[in-house]
Amino acid sequence: MYVIRLADGTLRVPHSLTSEDGRLIGNGYVELEPGDPDYERWLPESLTEEELAGRRERWLADNDELEREFLAFKAQQEDA
């Protein structure tokens, strides 16, 4: 999950909710606006929605070779 910087400057920061015994209840985002105490801490890591979309596109385009290698490995494991 990434820190997403919206056009108005709001940051969407990944946040997990866990039970008292440490079990994961859910993952989501919290929104931080400029002036929030944690805003400056997360700002350097943030990506715009356009930057995030570009990363996804590059990953999908560049993933073909990795996927072929994985499928070959998986087939080899199933044959063994």
Protein backbone atom coordinates (compact mmCIF):
# COMPACT_ATOMS: atom_id res chain seq x y z
CA MET A 1 0.00 0.00 0.00
CA TYR A 2 1.22 3.47 -0.81
CA VAL A 3 0.79 6.92 0.68
CA ILE A 4 -1.36 8.75 -1.87
CA ARG A 5 -1.28 12.55 -2.24
CA LEU A 6 -4.57 13.91 -3.53
CA ALA A 7 -4.86 17.06 -5.66
CA ASP A 8 -5.99 19.12 -2.66
CA GLY A 9 -2.88 18.08 -0.65
CA THR A 10 -4.66 15.51 1.50
CA LEU A 11 -2.63 12.35 2.14
CA ARG A 12 -4.20 8.91 2.26
CA VAL A 13 -1.99 6.87 4.57
CA PRO A 14 -2.29 3.07 4.91
CA HIS A 15 -3.64 2.00 8.28
CA SER A 16 -4.25 -1.46 9.74
CA LEU A 17 -6.67 -2.26 12.52
CA THR A 18 -5.80 -5.16 14.81
CA SER A 19 -7.55 -6.85 17.70
CA GLU A 20 -6.11 -6.82 21.22
CA ASP A 21 -4.48 -10.19 20.60
CA GLY A 22 -2.78 -8.91 17.43
CA ARG A 23 -5.05 -10.43 14.79
CA LEU A 24 -5.59 -8.32 11.69
CA ILE A 25 -9.11 -6.96 11.45
CA GLY A 26 -8.69 -4.90 8.31
CA ASN A 27 -6.55 -2.64 6.16
CA GLY A 28 -7.59 0.77 4.94
CA TYR A 29 -6.49 4.38 4.75
CA VAL A 30 -6.67 7.39 7.02
CA GLU A 31 -6.68 10.88 5.56
CA LEU A 32 -4.22 13.50 6.80
CA GLU A 33 -4.58 17.14 5.84
CA PRO A 34 -1.82 19.77 5.82
CA GLY A 35 -1.31 20.89 9.40
CA ASP A 36 -1.94 17.42 10.86
CA PRO A 37 0.90 16.47 13.26
CA ASP A 38 1.92 13.44 11.14
CA TYR A 39 1.51 15.13 7.74
CA GLU A 40 5.15 16.18 7.26
CA ARG A 41 6.37 12.70 8.23
CA TRP A 42 4.38 11.03 5.42
CA LEU A 43 4.67 13.71 2.72
CA PRO A 44 8.11 12.63 1.34
CA GLU A 45 6.79 9.08 0.75
CA SER A 46 3.60 10.18 -0.99
CA LEU A 47 2.75 9.62 -4.64
CA THR A 48 0.14 11.42 -6.68
CA GLU A 49 -2.66 9.32 -8.13
CA GLU A 50 -1.04 9.80 -11.56
CA GLU A 51 2.35 8.59 -10.30
CA LEU A 52 0.70 5.55 -8.74
CA ALA A 53 -1.13 4.75 -11.99
CA GLY A 54 2.16 5.05 -13.87
CA ARG A 55 3.84 2.59 -11.51
CA ARG A 56 1.00 0.12 -11.99
CA GLU A 57 1.24 0.42 -15.78
CA ARG A 58 5.03 -0.08 -15.74
CA TRP A 59 4.71 -3.05 -13.39
CA LEU A 60 2.11 -4.71 -15.63
CA ALA A 61 4.20 -4.05 -18.73
CA ASP A 62 7.45 -5.27 -17.17
CA ASN A 63 5.92 -8.22 -15.33
CA ASP A 64 5.72 -10.64 -18.27
CA GLU A 65 9.23 -12.10 -17.88
CA LEU A 66 8.85 -12.50 -14.12
CA GLU A 67 5.50 -14.21 -14.60
CA ARG A 68 6.98 -16.66 -17.13
CA GLU A 69 9.79 -17.51 -14.72
CA PHE A 70 7.32 -18.07 -11.89
CA LEU A 71 5.04 -20.29 -13.98
CA ALA A 72 8.04 -22.36 -15.11
CA PHE A 73 9.17 -22.73 -11.48
CA LYS A 74 5.65 -23.67 -10.39
CA ALA A 75 5.36 -26.31 -13.15
CA GLN A 76 8.74 -27.72 -12.13
CA GLN A 77 7.61 -28.00 -8.50
CA GLU A 78 4.37 -29.74 -9.50
CA ASP A 79 6.31 -32.26 -11.62
CA ALA A 80 8.66 -33.13 -8.78
